[in-house]
Protein backbone atom coordinates (compact mmCIF):
# COMPACT_ATOMS: atom_id res chain seq x y z
CA MET A 1 66.48 127.17 152.92
CA ASP A 2 63.55 126.42 155.17
CA THR A 3 61.07 127.23 152.45
CA VAL A 4 59.62 124.04 150.69
CA PRO A 5 56.60 123.25 148.57
CA PRO A 6 53.43 123.06 150.85
CA LEU A 7 53.07 119.31 149.95
CA TRP A 8 56.54 118.68 151.08
CA LYS A 9 56.29 119.88 154.61
CA GLU A 10 55.06 116.46 155.83
CA LEU A 11 58.26 114.78 154.53
CA LYS A 12 60.35 117.57 156.04
CA GLU A 13 59.48 116.20 159.49
CA SER A 14 61.89 113.30 158.88
CA ALA A 15 65.44 114.15 159.58
CA ASP A 16 66.80 112.21 156.66
CA PHE A 17 64.56 114.14 154.08
CA VAL A 18 66.56 116.75 152.05
CA CYS A 19 64.86 119.56 150.15
CA TYR A 20 67.48 121.49 148.07
CA GLU A 21 66.57 124.77 146.37
CA HIS A 22 68.28 125.52 142.96
CA PHE A 23 67.83 128.73 140.86
CA MET A 24 67.48 128.42 136.99
CA ASN A 25 67.42 131.84 135.38
CA ALA A 26 65.60 133.39 138.59
CA GLU A 27 63.08 130.25 138.54
CA ARG A 28 63.15 128.32 141.80
CA VAL A 29 63.60 124.55 141.39
CA PHE A 30 63.13 122.37 144.43
CA ILE A 31 64.98 118.99 144.53
CA GLY A 32 63.61 116.58 147.24
CA TYR A 33 64.70 113.17 148.22
CA ILE A 34 65.48 110.79 151.29
CA LYS A 35 69.22 110.63 151.67
CA THR A 36 69.16 107.14 153.43
CA LEU A 37 67.36 105.71 150.29
CA THR A 38 68.97 107.64 147.47
CA ASP A 39 72.45 107.28 145.66
CA MET A 40 74.06 110.65 146.15
CA GLU A 41 76.44 109.88 143.28
CA THR A 42 73.49 109.63 140.91
CA VAL A 43 71.92 112.85 142.39
CA GLN A 44 75.22 114.91 141.93
CA ARG A 45 76.21 113.66 138.48
CA GLN A 46 73.01 112.81 136.65
CA ILE A 47 70.48 115.29 138.16
CA LEU A 48 72.20 118.46 139.74
CA SER A 49 74.94 118.73 137.14
CA CYS A 50 72.27 118.58 134.53
CA LEU A 51 70.16 121.23 135.98
CA SER A 52 73.44 123.44 136.32
CA ASP A 53 74.41 122.76 132.69
CA HIS A 54 70.99 123.50 131.07
CA PRO A 55 69.67 126.68 133.13
CA GLY A 56 67.62 127.95 130.34
CA LEU A 57 65.37 124.83 129.68
CA SER A 58 61.81 124.66 130.57
CA PHE A 59 60.22 121.82 132.74
CA ASN A 60 59.57 119.50 129.80
CA GLU A 61 62.75 120.03 128.07
CA MET A 62 64.60 119.40 131.40
CA TYR A 63 62.82 116.27 131.69
CA ALA A 64 63.85 115.16 128.27
CA VAL A 65 67.61 115.80 128.85
CA ILE A 66 68.13 114.28 132.14
CA PRO A 67 70.15 111.13 131.48
CA VAL A 68 68.27 108.61 133.72
CA ALA A 69 66.05 105.97 132.17
CA GLU A 70 63.68 105.41 134.93
CA LYS A 71 61.72 108.87 135.28
CA GLU A 72 58.32 110.07 135.00
CA ILE A 73 56.13 113.05 135.55
CA ALA A 74 53.61 112.83 138.23
CA HIS A 75 50.74 115.08 139.27
CA ASP A 76 49.14 112.98 142.20
CA TRP A 77 50.82 113.79 145.55
CA ASN A 78 50.41 110.15 146.71
CA ILE A 79 52.19 108.77 143.70
CA ILE A 80 55.08 111.43 144.52
CA GLN A 81 55.16 110.55 148.06
CA ASP A 82 55.33 106.64 147.44
CA ASN A 83 58.06 107.01 144.87
CA ILE A 84 60.18 109.39 147.15
CA HIS A 85 59.95 106.75 149.79
CA ARG A 86 61.34 104.32 147.15
CA GLY A 87 64.33 106.30 146.60
CA TYR A 88 63.10 108.59 143.71
CA VAL A 89 64.19 112.05 143.58
CA ALA A 90 61.43 114.78 143.16
CA VAL A 91 62.16 117.86 141.06
CA GLN A 92 59.52 120.76 141.15
CA PHE A 93 59.62 123.72 139.10
CA GLY A 94 58.20 126.73 141.34
CA LEU A 95 56.72 126.72 144.73
CA GLN A 96 53.07 126.21 143.83
CA SER A 97 53.56 123.75 140.95
CA HIS A 98 51.30 120.76 140.90
CA HIS A 99 53.52 118.29 139.05
CA CYS A 100 57.00 116.91 139.71
CA MET A 101 59.68 114.95 137.78
CA LEU A 102 60.38 111.69 139.59
CA ILE A 103 63.90 110.25 138.80
CA ASN A 104 65.09 106.93 140.10
CA ALA A 105 68.25 107.34 142.29
CA ALA A 106 67.59 104.44 144.64
CA ILE A 107 70.46 102.76 146.43
CA SER A 108 70.86 99.14 145.17
CA LYS A 109 72.06 97.15 148.15
CA GLY A 110 71.63 93.55 149.03
CA ARG A 111 73.40 90.39 149.12
CA SER A 112 74.54 88.65 145.93
CA VAL A 113 73.19 85.51 144.40
CA THR A 114 74.48 82.52 146.49
CA ILE A 115 73.81 78.74 146.80
CA PRO A 116 70.48 77.50 148.11
CA GLU A 117 70.66 77.27 151.83
CA VAL A 118 67.35 75.42 152.48
CA GLU A 119 66.95 73.42 149.24
CA PHE A 120 70.59 72.37 148.89
CA THR A 121 71.19 69.91 146.10
CA VAL A 122 74.19 67.91 144.70
CA GLU A 123 73.11 67.93 141.15
CA GLY A 124 71.83 70.93 139.18
CA PRO A 125 72.35 74.73 139.34
CA LYS A 126 73.71 76.24 142.46
CA GLU A 127 71.76 79.57 142.40
CA ALA A 128 69.07 80.83 144.97
CA PHE A 129 66.70 83.71 144.89
CA VAL A 130 67.80 86.80 147.00
CA GLU A 131 65.80 89.65 148.73
CA SER A 132 66.00 91.85 145.50
CA LEU A 133 62.89 91.53 143.20
CA ASP A 134 64.67 92.70 140.28
CA ILE A 135 67.59 90.27 140.62
CA ASN A 136 65.02 87.41 141.16
CA LEU A 137 63.13 88.33 138.11
CA ASN A 138 66.57 88.37 136.11
CA LEU A 139 67.17 84.74 137.33
CA ILE A 140 63.77 83.64 135.99
CA ARG A 141 63.96 85.53 132.66
CA THR A 142 67.52 84.02 132.03
CA ARG A 143 66.01 80.55 132.28
CA VAL A 144 62.80 81.47 130.51
CA PRO A 145 64.00 83.79 127.69
CA VAL A 146 60.69 83.71 125.70
CA PRO A 147 58.27 86.56 124.79
CA GLU A 148 55.39 84.65 126.44
CA LEU A 149 56.70 85.41 129.93
CA ARG A 150 54.63 87.85 131.56
CA ILE A 151 54.94 89.79 134.82
CA ARG A 152 52.38 91.76 136.71
CA GLU A 153 53.44 93.97 139.25
CA LEU A 154 51.30 95.07 142.33
CA THR A 155 51.66 97.03 145.53
CA ILE A 156 50.49 95.41 148.63
CA GLY A 157 50.42 96.52 152.34
CA SER A 158 49.31 99.94 153.43
CA VAL A 159 52.46 100.48 155.58
CA SER A 160 54.89 98.29 153.87
CA LYS A 161 54.11 99.27 150.31
CA SER A 162 55.56 96.01 149.02
CA ARG A 163 56.20 95.23 145.44
CA VAL A 164 54.79 92.14 144.30
CA ALA A 165 55.24 90.47 141.04
CA VAL A 166 52.99 87.65 139.55
CA VAL A 167 55.00 85.75 136.87
CA TYR A 168 53.34 83.46 134.32
CA LEU A 169 53.72 82.16 130.72
CA LYS A 170 51.00 83.57 128.46
CA GLY A 171 49.44 80.79 126.32
CA ILE A 172 50.55 78.04 128.83
CA ALA A 173 49.08 79.28 132.30
CA ASN A 174 45.34 78.92 132.68
CA GLU A 175 43.53 82.30 132.68
CA ALA A 176 41.06 81.45 135.41
CA TYR A 177 43.96 80.23 137.83
CA LEU A 178 45.80 83.51 137.00
CA ASN A 179 42.71 85.88 137.46
CA THR A 180 42.02 84.04 140.85
CA CYS A 181 45.58 84.41 142.02
CA VAL A 182 45.76 88.32 141.10
CA GLN A 183 42.37 89.04 142.56
CA ARG A 184 43.21 87.40 146.06
CA LEU A 185 46.46 89.39 146.08
CA GLU A 186 44.43 92.59 145.27
CA ASP A 187 41.99 91.72 148.08
CA VAL A 188 44.91 91.34 150.66
CA ARG A 189 44.15 93.92 153.45
CA PHE A 190 47.09 94.01 155.63
CA ASP A 191 49.44 96.82 156.68
CA GLN A 192 52.82 95.24 156.93
CA VAL A 193 53.69 92.37 154.37
CA THR A 194 57.27 91.39 155.17
CA ASP A 195 57.75 88.18 153.29
CA SER A 196 56.10 86.02 150.61
CA THR A 197 55.25 83.43 153.17
CA LEU A 198 52.68 85.91 154.52
CA LEU A 199 51.05 86.23 151.24
CA GLN A 200 51.20 82.41 150.90
CA GLN A 201 48.84 81.98 153.89
CA MET A 202 46.62 85.03 152.84
CA ILE A 203 45.78 83.68 149.27
CA GLU A 204 45.33 79.99 150.06
CA ASP A 205 41.94 78.47 149.70
CA ASN A 206 41.54 77.31 153.18
CA SER A 207 43.67 79.25 155.60
CA ASN A 208 42.38 77.08 158.51
CA SER A 209 44.06 73.96 157.16
CA ILE A 210 47.47 72.83 158.32
CA PHE A 211 48.16 71.56 154.80
CA PRO A 212 49.88 74.14 152.59
CA GLN A 213 48.31 74.89 149.31
CA SER A 214 51.14 76.40 147.62
CA ILE A 215 54.85 75.80 147.46
CA GLY A 216 57.47 78.13 148.55
CA THR A 217 61.01 77.82 147.00
CA GLU A 218 64.38 79.61 146.71
CA ARG A 219 65.38 77.72 143.65
CA PRO A 220 64.86 79.73 140.12
CA ASP A 221 65.35 76.47 138.15
CA TYR A 222 62.24 74.87 140.13
CA VAL A 223 60.24 78.03 139.36
CA ALA A 224 61.04 77.90 135.78
CA TRP A 225 59.77 74.27 135.44
CA ALA A 226 56.60 75.33 137.37
CA LEU A 227 56.10 78.18 134.81
CA SER A 228 56.62 75.86 131.99
CA SER A 229 54.00 73.52 133.48
CA GLY A 230 51.25 76.06 133.58
CA GLN A 231 51.69 77.21 137.24
CA ILE A 232 51.78 80.81 138.65
CA CYS A 233 54.60 82.29 140.53
CA ILE A 234 54.42 84.98 143.12
CA LEU A 235 57.67 86.93 144.09
CA LYS A 236 57.96 89.72 146.60
CA ASP A 237 60.61 92.53 146.90
CA GLY A 238 62.57 91.87 150.09
CA SER A 239 61.99 88.01 150.23
CA PRO A 240 64.20 85.23 149.05
CA THR A 241 61.15 82.92 148.58
CA SER A 242 59.14 82.49 145.60
CA VAL A 243 55.67 81.05 146.03
CA PHE A 244 53.76 79.05 143.07
CA ALA A 245 50.44 77.58 142.71
CA PRO A 246 48.20 75.68 141.95
CA VAL A 247 49.78 72.41 143.52
CA ASN A 248 48.57 69.10 144.45
CA PHE A 249 49.28 67.03 147.64
CA TRP A 250 51.88 64.91 145.85
CA SER A 251 54.06 67.80 144.76
CA PHE A 252 55.17 68.36 148.42
CA PHE A 253 57.14 65.05 148.36
CA ILE A 254 58.81 65.76 145.02
CA THR A 255 62.07 67.56 145.12
CA TYR A 256 63.40 69.14 141.86
CA GLU A 257 66.69 67.22 142.22
CA ASP A 258 64.64 64.16 141.09
CA TYR A 259 64.68 65.58 137.40
CA TYR A 260 68.53 65.82 137.57
CA LEU A 261 68.88 62.04 138.43
CA PRO A 262 68.38 58.99 136.25
CA TRP A 263 64.65 58.20 136.42
CA ILE A 264 65.10 54.86 137.89
CA ILE A 265 67.10 56.28 140.81
CA ALA A 266 64.83 59.20 141.27
CA SER A 267 61.87 57.05 141.27
CA LEU A 268 63.35 54.75 144.03
CA LEU A 269 64.10 57.87 146.10
CA ARG A 270 60.64 59.35 145.49
CA MET A 271 58.94 55.96 146.75
CA ILE A 272 61.17 56.01 149.87
CA ARG A 273 59.85 59.45 150.60
CA PHE A 274 56.28 58.46 150.45
CA PHE A 275 56.88 55.37 152.75
CA SER A 276 58.68 57.63 155.05
CA VAL A 277 55.69 59.89 155.44
CA PHE A 278 53.55 56.88 156.00
CA PHE A 279 55.83 55.54 158.60
CA SER A 280 56.31 58.82 160.22
CA VAL A 281 52.51 59.32 160.87
CA PHE A 282 51.52 55.87 161.69
CA ALA A 283 54.50 54.32 163.65
CA SER A 284 53.95 55.82 167.07
CA PRO A 285 50.01 55.50 167.01
CA LEU A 286 50.44 51.83 166.11
CA TYR A 287 52.75 51.20 168.97
CA VAL A 288 50.26 52.77 171.38
CA ALA A 289 47.33 50.80 169.88
CA VAL A 290 48.98 47.61 169.83
CA ILE A 291 50.42 47.71 173.22
CA THR A 292 47.19 49.16 174.80
CA TYR A 293 44.52 47.04 173.16
CA HIS A 294 46.01 44.53 170.55
CA GLY A 295 48.87 42.66 172.22
CA GLN A 296 47.42 39.43 170.83
CA GLY A 297 48.16 40.55 167.47
CA VAL A 298 51.95 40.87 168.17
CA SER A 299 53.93 37.94 166.68
CA ASN A 300 55.60 35.47 169.24
CA LEU A 301 58.92 36.44 167.94
CA PHE A 302 58.63 40.18 168.98
CA LEU A 303 56.56 39.84 172.06
CA PRO A 304 59.19 38.85 174.48
CA THR A 305 61.51 41.70 173.40
CA ILE A 306 58.74 44.23 173.81
CA VAL A 307 57.65 42.77 177.17
CA SER A 308 61.23 42.83 178.56
CA SER A 309 61.74 46.33 177.39
CA ARG A 310 58.68 47.67 179.05
CA ILE A 311 58.88 45.61 182.25
CA ASN A 312 60.25 48.37 184.29
CA VAL A 313 58.52 51.39 182.65
CA PRO A 314 55.98 52.80 185.10
CA PHE A 315 53.91 54.71 182.58
CA PRO A 316 51.19 53.69 180.04
CA PRO A 317 52.30 53.47 176.49
CA ILE A 318 50.67 56.96 175.68
CA VAL A 319 52.72 58.75 178.30
CA GLU A 320 55.98 57.22 177.19
CA VAL A 321 55.15 57.93 173.55
CA LEU A 322 54.40 61.65 174.40
CA ILE A 323 57.40 62.08 176.37
CA MET A 324 59.69 60.93 173.57
CA GLU A 325 57.74 62.78 170.90
CA LEU A 326 58.04 65.99 172.74
CA VAL A 327 61.86 65.46 173.66
CA ILE A 328 62.31 65.03 169.90
CA GLU A 329 60.51 68.21 169.10
CA LEU A 330 62.28 70.03 171.78
CA LEU A 331 65.72 69.05 170.29
CA ARG A 332 64.52 69.88 166.81
CA GLU A 333 63.41 73.37 168.04
CA ALA A 334 66.44 74.06 170.00
CA GLY A 335 68.71 72.88 167.03
CA ALA A 336 66.92 75.27 164.53
CA ARG A 337 67.10 78.40 166.89
CA LEU A 338 70.63 78.00 167.89
CA PRO A 339 73.65 78.86 165.62
CA SER A 340 74.26 76.14 163.04
CA LYS A 341 77.44 74.63 164.76
CA ILE A 342 76.01 74.71 168.15
CA GLY A 343 72.57 73.36 166.87
CA GLN A 344 74.05 70.37 165.28
CA THR A 345 76.06 69.57 168.59
CA ILE A 346 72.91 70.04 170.52
CA GLY A 347 70.94 67.74 168.24
CA ILE A 348 73.49 64.92 168.27
CA VAL A 349 74.66 65.12 171.90
CA GLY A 350 71.13 65.76 173.20
CA GLY A 351 69.68 62.95 171.36
CA ILE A 352 72.29 60.40 172.48
CA VAL A 353 72.29 61.58 176.17
CA LEU A 354 68.74 62.00 176.59
CA GLY A 355 67.73 58.80 174.85
CA THR A 356 70.26 56.79 176.86
CA ALA A 357 69.26 58.41 180.07
CA ALA A 358 65.55 57.90 179.39
CA VAL A 359 66.01 54.13 178.88
CA GLU A 360 68.17 53.68 181.87
CA ALA A 361 65.81 55.65 184.07
CA ALA A 362 63.00 53.43 182.79
CA LEU A 363 60.96 56.41 181.48
CA THR A 364 60.79 54.73 178.23
CA SER A 365 61.37 51.25 176.44
CA ASN A 366 64.25 50.51 174.03
CA PHE A 367 61.71 49.46 171.42
CA LEU A 368 59.84 52.75 171.55
CA LEU A 369 63.05 54.87 171.38
CA ILE A 370 63.87 53.18 168.03
CA ILE A 371 60.48 53.77 166.68
CA VAL A 372 60.46 57.33 167.71
CA ALA A 373 63.90 57.97 166.37
CA LEU A 374 63.15 56.27 162.97
CA SER A 375 59.87 58.23 162.91
CA ALA A 376 61.70 61.59 163.42
CA LEU A 377 64.39 60.67 160.69
CA ALA A 378 61.41 59.77 158.26
CA SER A 379 59.88 63.15 158.74
CA PHE A 380 62.99 64.87 157.60
CA THR A 381 62.80 63.27 154.08
CA THR A 382 59.85 65.62 153.18
CA PRO A 383 61.63 68.26 150.94
CA ILE A 384 59.15 71.10 151.67
CA PHE A 385 59.42 72.43 155.15
CA ARG A 386 55.84 73.46 155.77
CA MET A 387 54.67 69.90 154.83
CA SER A 388 57.27 68.54 156.94
CA ALA A 389 55.97 70.52 159.83
CA THR A 390 52.37 69.30 159.08
CA ILE A 391 53.48 65.71 158.95
CA ARG A 392 55.10 65.98 162.26
CA MET A 393 52.02 67.74 163.81
CA LEU A 394 49.61 64.93 162.37
CA ARG A 395 51.09 62.26 164.54
CA PHE A 396 49.71 63.77 167.78
CA PRO A 397 45.87 63.34 166.97
CA PHE A 398 46.44 59.81 165.75
CA ILE A 399 48.30 58.87 169.02
CA PHE A 400 45.41 60.20 171.12
CA ALA A 401 42.81 58.54 168.76
CA ALA A 402 44.99 55.10 169.20
CA GLN A 403 44.82 55.56 173.07
CA ILE A 404 41.05 56.05 173.04
CA TRP A 405 39.87 53.53 170.37
CA GLY A 406 42.95 51.56 169.44
CA LEU A 407 43.28 50.57 165.75
CA LEU A 408 39.67 51.79 165.12
CA GLY A 409 40.75 55.27 166.22
CA ILE A 410 43.54 55.27 163.70
CA PHE A 411 40.98 54.12 161.14
CA ILE A 412 38.74 56.96 162.21
CA CYS A 413 41.31 59.56 162.28
CA THR A 414 42.71 58.41 158.60
CA LEU A 415 38.94 58.66 157.36
CA ALA A 416 38.74 62.36 158.79
CA LEU A 417 42.15 63.10 157.24
CA VAL A 418 41.18 61.81 153.85
CA ALA A 419 37.81 63.70 153.92
CA HIS A 420 39.66 66.88 154.73
CA LEU A 421 42.07 66.41 151.87
CA LEU A 422 39.21 65.59 149.53
CA ARG A 423 37.85 69.10 150.28
CA LEU A 424 40.93 71.05 150.00
CA THR A 425 41.67 72.90 146.77
CA SER A 426 44.74 75.00 145.51
CA LEU A 427 43.53 78.13 143.45
CA GLY A 428 40.26 76.01 142.89
CA MET A 429 42.03 73.01 141.65
CA PRO A 430 41.37 69.75 143.64
CA TYR A 431 44.16 68.97 146.13
CA LEU A 432 44.48 65.22 145.58
CA VAL A 433 44.29 65.18 141.75
CA PRO A 434 45.15 63.02 139.80
CA LEU A 435 43.77 60.43 142.36
CA TYR A 436 40.73 62.38 143.03
CA PRO A 437 39.26 63.50 140.67
CA PHE A 438 41.02 60.23 138.91
CA ARG A 439 43.06 61.23 135.98
CA LYS A 440 44.74 58.05 134.68
CA ALA A 441 46.84 60.04 131.98
CA ASP A 442 48.33 62.33 134.85
CA LEU A 443 49.78 59.57 137.05
CA TYR A 444 52.95 59.42 135.14
CA ASP A 445 54.86 61.81 137.51
CA THR A 446 53.68 61.03 141.11
CA ALA A 447 55.26 58.18 142.88
CA ILE A 448 57.40 57.47 139.88
CA ARG A 449 59.51 59.77 137.99
CA PRO A 450 59.33 58.61 134.24
CA PRO A 451 61.79 59.23 131.51
CA TYR A 452 61.65 62.60 129.67
CA SER A 453 60.08 60.91 126.69
CA LYS A 454 56.93 60.58 128.87
CA PHE A 455 56.62 64.34 129.43
CA HIS A 456 55.19 65.13 126.08
CA HIS A 457 52.01 66.44 127.76
CA ARG A 458 51.54 68.91 130.59
CA PHE A 459 49.27 67.85 133.34
CA SER A 460 45.56 68.13 132.29
CA PHE A 461 44.57 69.42 135.81
CA PHE A 462 46.53 72.61 135.08
CA ARG A 463 44.02 73.28 132.35
CA SER A 464 46.79 74.77 130.14
CA PRO A 465 45.51 76.18 126.76
CA ASN A 466 48.71 74.61 125.27
CA PRO A 467 48.88 71.04 126.82
CA VAL A 468 51.61 69.79 124.28
CA ARG A 469 55.11 70.13 125.36
CA PHE A 470 56.57 68.29 122.36
CA GLU A 471 55.72 65.89 119.74
CA ARG A 472 56.33 62.38 121.17
CA LYS A 473 57.13 60.54 117.92
CA LYS A 474 59.85 62.92 116.74
CA ALA A 475 61.37 62.95 120.37
CA ALA A 476 61.55 59.14 120.47
CA ALA A 477 62.98 58.79 117.10
CA LYS A 478 66.75 58.62 117.42
CA LYS A 479 68.78 58.70 114.32
CA ASP A 480 72.55 57.93 114.04
CA ILE A 481 74.64 60.00 111.65
CA ASP A 482 76.52 57.75 109.07
CA ASP A 483 80.16 58.27 108.74
């Protein structure tokens, strides 16, 4: 029939909205749902069949017998409309009634849990988050099966109406950090929130900084570790990336695979990453500064090699460095945008062909080609993508400063960078902690990954109400069982 409840007429303008009229002992019952969001088998077997089998029941009695767990009675039209757009079925007794039964019959579609694609690891679990919030929460709960695990659900976005979950451990996470995180999410004023990375940018302390102040991950084991450390996790329905905060600068150069490896090996790999970051930022600027202003500081062993490699290059050092850096960025961007197999081919072939052609055409020197290639490889060692992009972009202001003032320019740029990092915070926590403010007791898991016997205390800068993980003396005591 064309007759529908007055409040449903707006929904009827959509072609996929279905309004079904059913009679129960001469009383008109209206069933409304959006067929593209609703599981028709649930509608037929659980709702329509129940209405047909119990024709004499009242509204409240019918609500009690419908065999669906997720259901509610709503009086507010905005709540009714929002739930219909999430796949719920609305059941209304009478044309002018002001309350509806809302019964969950949403279609559950999405990809199954697969291996991590961005944070692939040889050691450790091979599960990654997917686009379903309920599945992602299940992956976390299976790893943190304790009653202290708390989940707060919010709705963000005036158009997207995105479900966002804030996950934390009560008694371990600091209440001030939690309240700050929830308040910033509630203050988000944006119509379409399509991914958790948008929220990541919206709730950060300084949105104008190129340095990320929260970490995004697709690994549930990493999130479980962060929760046990006292951090707060944010998940969004429709996004396979979880975001957690607060974090410090050093966290971006630590991969969770470090905790699956022996501590000596993991520490060596971690120190290689820190050295790679330093090399990636300063290698090209140092080349420009030394060749332009400080040639007398070059050892006599290297000077003939550098001079002979640049003898036919018509450009000043700044130009040849920018040419090579831009070529590397072009190859990187082209490889990322093309399909994986073609992208790998473009990266390898393009790098070899362009590098060789640039040297033979005297556009750059062999020595610089090696420096730029090593610098690009070093930037790949940063495990967090957003920080890796930041490290790549940092090279350019250093290169220009080196061209203008030489080593003094690099020093000035370094001071400006350190000053900026000193002012950054993550949910109010200092970004450079434990170096600033200095916390000697919290240095144990930065450049070196210690053995697990040293993890008896949580980091003090997370300000956890329960800073003790376990009793150190009992953990250190190893007893052999006599035969």
